[in-house]
């Protein structure tokens, strides 16, 4: 075998290994929900459902809450599961009824961010409908 062929084969092996590593890299970036959120702590807030960011890798639900002491509006948010996870469970973007008064329950962030958590439940005041989510699943 010639030196040129060996170098060509070695380059092919190195290129294939680099391609495999590049494709696998996103798998190493994913994290457990409990890396950022404490399943033993939760908070609840009531306000108007302002929007849902139906995007990967995680959805985000935003509620405008009035501070009882000052009357000022604050935006509270919860990260959620990926859209595909909800869709497989039969829950879709239109189930987030923007503009309605809701109470959200979220798992608290480990860094104690007051207005951020992981979505556990949405309760609609108009009809009592409740969406309940598992930690890290449907």
C-alpha atoms as a PDB file:
ATOM      1  CA  UNK A   1       0.000   0.000   0.000  1.00  0.00           C
ATOM      2  CA  UNK A   2       1.384   3.401  -0.907  1.00  0.00           C
ATOM      3  CA  UNK A   3       1.913   6.286   1.454  1.00  0.00           C
ATOM      4  CA  UNK A   4      -0.679   8.347  -0.453  1.00  0.00           C
ATOM      5  CA  UNK A   5      -3.360   5.666  -0.002  1.00  0.00           C
ATOM      6  CA  UNK A   6      -2.616   5.348   3.731  1.00  0.00           C
ATOM      7  CA  UNK A   7      -2.832   9.134   4.185  1.00  0.00           C
ATOM      8  CA  UNK A   8      -6.103   9.190   2.228  1.00  0.00           C
ATOM      9  CA  UNK A   9      -7.582   6.390   4.384  1.00  0.00           C
ATOM     10  CA  UNK A  10      -6.436   8.078   7.582  1.00  0.00           C
ATOM     11  CA  UNK A  11      -7.983  11.367   6.467  1.00  0.00           C
ATOM     12  CA  UNK A  12     -11.257   9.532   5.731  1.00  0.00           C
ATOM     13  CA  UNK A  13     -11.294   7.944   9.200  1.00  0.00           C
ATOM     14  CA  UNK A  14     -10.562  11.291  10.873  1.00  0.00           C
ATOM     15  CA  UNK A  15     -13.303  12.991   8.821  1.00  0.00           C
ATOM     16  CA  UNK A  16     -15.834  10.256   9.697  1.00  0.00           C
ATOM     17  CA  UNK A  17     -14.970  10.495  13.411  1.00  0.00           C
ATOM     18  CA  UNK A  18     -15.325  14.282  13.321  1.00  0.00           C
ATOM     19  CA  UNK A  19     -18.718  13.985  11.610  1.00  0.00           C
ATOM     20  CA  UNK A  20     -19.962  11.508  14.232  1.00  0.00           C
ATOM     21  CA  UNK A  21     -18.783  13.738  17.079  1.00  0.00           C
ATOM     22  CA  UNK A  22     -20.466  16.786  15.516  1.00  0.00           C
ATOM     23  CA  UNK A  23     -23.784  14.948  15.203  1.00  0.00           C
ATOM     24  CA  UNK A  24     -23.592  13.664  18.784  1.00  0.00           C
ATOM     25  CA  UNK A  25     -22.622  17.018  20.340  1.00  0.00           C
ATOM     26  CA  UNK A  26     -26.241  18.187  20.920  1.00  0.00           C
ATOM     27  CA  UNK A  27     -26.856  15.089  23.041  1.00  0.00           C
ATOM     28  CA  UNK A  28     -24.170  16.213  25.469  1.00  0.00           C
ATOM     29  CA  UNK A  29     -25.750  19.666  25.764  1.00  0.00           C
ATOM     30  CA  UNK A  30     -29.102  18.476  27.082  1.00  0.00           C
ATOM     31  CA  UNK A  31     -29.630  18.662  30.795  1.00  0.00           C
ATOM     32  CA  UNK A  32     -31.962  17.279  33.394  1.00  0.00           C
ATOM     33  CA  UNK A  33     -34.796  19.537  34.547  1.00  0.00           C
ATOM     34  CA  UNK A  34     -33.546  19.052  38.103  1.00  0.00           C
ATOM     35  CA  UNK A  35     -30.218  20.637  37.115  1.00  0.00           C
ATOM     36  CA  UNK A  36     -31.956  24.043  37.088  1.00  0.00           C
ATOM     37  CA  UNK A  37     -35.175  23.503  39.059  1.00  0.00           C
ATOM     38  CA  UNK A  38     -35.896  22.127  42.537  1.00  0.00           C
ATOM     39  CA  UNK A  39     -38.818  19.645  42.422  1.00  0.00           C
ATOM     40  CA  UNK A  40     -39.261  20.061  46.200  1.00  0.00           C
ATOM     41  CA  UNK A  41     -40.097  23.772  45.852  1.00  0.00           C
ATOM     42  CA  UNK A  42     -42.836  25.418  43.822  1.00  0.00           C
ATOM     43  CA  UNK A  43     -44.644  28.720  43.476  1.00  0.00           C
ATOM     44  CA  UNK A  44     -48.071  29.792  42.225  1.00  0.00           C
ATOM     45  CA  UNK A  45     -49.095  33.037  40.526  1.00  0.00           C
ATOM     46  CA  UNK A  46     -52.386  34.331  39.133  1.00  0.00           C
ATOM     47  CA  UNK A  47     -52.622  36.715  36.209  1.00  0.00           C
ATOM     48  CA  UNK A  48     -53.386  37.068  32.519  1.00  0.00           C
ATOM     49  CA  UNK A  49     -51.782  34.550  30.172  1.00  0.00           C
ATOM     50  CA  UNK A  50     -49.801  36.834  27.849  1.00  0.00           C
ATOM     51  CA  UNK A  51     -48.075  34.414  25.489  1.00  0.00           C
ATOM     52  CA  UNK A  52     -46.526  31.037  24.929  1.00  0.00           C
ATOM     53  CA  UNK A  53     -43.232  30.576  23.113  1.00  0.00           C
ATOM     54  CA  UNK A  54     -43.834  27.272  21.315  1.00  0.00           C
ATOM     55  CA  UNK A  55     -40.193  26.651  20.390  1.00  0.00           C
ATOM     56  CA  UNK A  56     -37.460  24.081  20.828  1.00  0.00           C
ATOM     57  CA  UNK A  57     -35.714  23.078  22.949  1.00  0.00           C
ATOM     58  CA  UNK A  58     -38.338  24.152  25.540  1.00  0.00           C
ATOM     59  CA  UNK A  59     -41.606  26.049  25.515  1.00  0.00           C
ATOM     60  CA  UNK A  60     -42.042  29.121  27.715  1.00  0.00           C
ATOM     61  CA  UNK A  61     -45.313  30.360  29.238  1.00  0.00           C
ATOM     62  CA  UNK A  62     -45.654  34.031  30.238  1.00  0.00           C
ATOM     63  CA  UNK A  63     -48.205  35.485  32.671  1.00  0.00           C
ATOM     64  CA  UNK A  64     -48.724  39.136  33.611  1.00  0.00           C
ATOM     65  CA  UNK A  65     -49.209  39.309  37.383  1.00  0.00           C
ATOM     66  CA  UNK A  66     -50.233  42.400  39.373  1.00  0.00           C
ATOM     67  CA  UNK A  67     -48.183  43.021  42.487  1.00  0.00           C
ATOM     68  CA  UNK A  68     -50.733  43.314  45.295  1.00  0.00           C
ATOM     69  CA  UNK A  69     -48.663  45.823  47.267  1.00  0.00           C
ATOM     70  CA  UNK A  70     -47.798  48.275  44.494  1.00  0.00           C
ATOM     71  CA  UNK A  71     -50.363  47.449  41.808  1.00  0.00           C
ATOM     72  CA  UNK A  72     -47.569  47.267  39.235  1.00  0.00           C
ATOM     73  CA  UNK A  73     -47.620  44.522  36.616  1.00  0.00           C
ATOM     74  CA  UNK A  74     -44.812  41.966  36.563  1.00  0.00           C
ATOM     75  CA  UNK A  75     -44.135  39.265  34.003  1.00  0.00           C
ATOM     76  CA  UNK A  76     -43.694  35.777  35.406  1.00  0.00           C
ATOM     77  CA  UNK A  77     -42.579  32.865  33.254  1.00  0.00           C
ATOM     78  CA  UNK A  78     -42.176  29.126  33.260  1.00  0.00           C
ATOM     79  CA  UNK A  79     -40.072  26.942  31.048  1.00  0.00           C
ATOM     80  CA  UNK A  80     -41.883  23.867  29.796  1.00  0.00           C
ATOM     81  CA  UNK A  81     -41.273  20.658  27.934  1.00  0.00           C
ATOM     82  CA  UNK A  82     -40.486  20.649  24.213  1.00  0.00           C
ATOM     83  CA  UNK A  83     -43.457  21.127  21.858  1.00  0.00           C
ATOM     84  CA  UNK A  84     -43.111  17.565  20.538  1.00  0.00           C
ATOM     85  CA  UNK A  85     -43.465  16.140  24.056  1.00  0.00           C
ATOM     86  CA  UNK A  86     -46.721  18.032  24.588  1.00  0.00           C
ATOM     87  CA  UNK A  87     -48.012  17.120  21.126  1.00  0.00           C
ATOM     88  CA  UNK A  88     -47.407  13.411  21.749  1.00  0.00           C
ATOM     89  CA  UNK A  89     -49.479  13.766  24.929  1.00  0.00           C
ATOM     90  CA  UNK A  90     -52.324  15.447  22.997  1.00  0.00           C
ATOM     91  CA  UNK A  91     -51.610  18.953  24.297  1.00  0.00           C
ATOM     92  CA  UNK A  92     -51.220  21.626  21.623  1.00  0.00           C
ATOM     93  CA  UNK A  93     -50.332  25.306  21.340  1.00  0.00           C
ATOM     94  CA  UNK A  94     -53.996  26.311  21.153  1.00  0.00           C
ATOM     95  CA  UNK A  95     -54.522  24.819  24.635  1.00  0.00           C
ATOM     96  CA  UNK A  96     -52.631  27.895  25.944  1.00  0.00           C
ATOM     97  CA  UNK A  97     -55.563  30.342  25.805  1.00  0.00           C
ATOM     98  CA  UNK A  98     -53.799  33.697  25.637  1.00  0.00           C
ATOM     99  CA  UNK A  99     -55.725  36.578  27.217  1.00  0.00           C
ATOM    100  CA  UNK A 100     -57.461  34.482  29.870  1.00  0.00           C
ATOM    101  CA  UNK A 101     -56.956  34.719  33.628  1.00  0.00           C
ATOM    102  CA  UNK A 102     -54.984  31.729  34.846  1.00  0.00           C
ATOM    103  CA  UNK A 103     -53.200  30.423  37.879  1.00  0.00           C
ATOM    104  CA  UNK A 104     -49.888  28.785  37.075  1.00  0.00           C
ATOM    105  CA  UNK A 105     -47.928  26.508  39.353  1.00  0.00           C
ATOM    106  CA  UNK A 106     -44.233  26.143  38.622  1.00  0.00           C
ATOM    107  CA  UNK A 107     -41.317  24.269  40.092  1.00  0.00           C
ATOM    108  CA  UNK A 108     -38.960  26.849  41.576  1.00  0.00           C
ATOM    109  CA  UNK A 109     -35.603  27.667  40.028  1.00  0.00           C
ATOM    110  CA  UNK A 110     -32.628  26.537  42.086  1.00  0.00           C
ATOM    111  CA  UNK A 111     -31.145  30.035  41.880  1.00  0.00           C
ATOM    112  CA  UNK A 112     -34.371  31.334  43.530  1.00  0.00           C
ATOM    113  CA  UNK A 113     -35.344  33.510  40.573  1.00  0.00           C
ATOM    114  CA  UNK A 114     -38.633  35.014  41.733  1.00  0.00           C
ATOM    115  CA  UNK A 115     -40.295  35.097  38.327  1.00  0.00           C
ATOM    116  CA  UNK A 116     -39.003  31.919  36.651  1.00  0.00           C
ATOM    117  CA  UNK A 117     -39.765  28.217  37.081  1.00  0.00           C
ATOM    118  CA  UNK A 118     -40.664  24.978  35.309  1.00  0.00           C
ATOM    119  CA  UNK A 119     -44.327  24.666  34.342  1.00  0.00           C
ATOM    120  CA  UNK A 120     -46.292  22.173  36.411  1.00  0.00           C
ATOM    121  CA  UNK A 121     -49.919  23.317  35.993  1.00  0.00           C
ATOM    122  CA  UNK A 122     -52.171  25.906  34.337  1.00  0.00           C
ATOM    123  CA  UNK A 123     -55.688  26.486  35.695  1.00  0.00           C
ATOM    124  CA  UNK A 124     -58.138  28.601  33.663  1.00  0.00           C
ATOM    125  CA  UNK A 125     -60.480  30.710  35.789  1.00  0.00           C
ATOM    126  CA  UNK A 126     -63.139  31.010  33.057  1.00  0.00           C
ATOM    127  CA  UNK A 127     -64.133  27.338  33.130  1.00  0.00           C
ATOM    128  CA  UNK A 128     -61.913  25.645  35.736  1.00  0.00           C
ATOM    129  CA  UNK A 129     -60.046  23.676  33.045  1.00  0.00           C
ATOM    130  CA  UNK A 130     -56.653  22.491  34.305  1.00  0.00           C
ATOM    131  CA  UNK A 131     -53.603  21.355  32.357  1.00  0.00           C
ATOM    132  CA  UNK A 132     -51.253  19.309  34.557  1.00  0.00           C
ATOM    133  CA  UNK A 133     -47.718  18.484  33.470  1.00  0.00           C
ATOM    134  CA  UNK A 134     -45.207  16.026  34.847  1.00  0.00           C
ATOM    135  CA  UNK A 135     -41.695  17.113  35.658  1.00  0.00           C
ATOM    136  CA  UNK A 136     -39.695  16.426  32.507  1.00  0.00           C
ATOM    137  CA  UNK A 137     -42.528  14.599  30.694  1.00  0.00           C
ATOM    138  CA  UNK A 138     -46.058  14.833  29.366  1.00  0.00           C
END
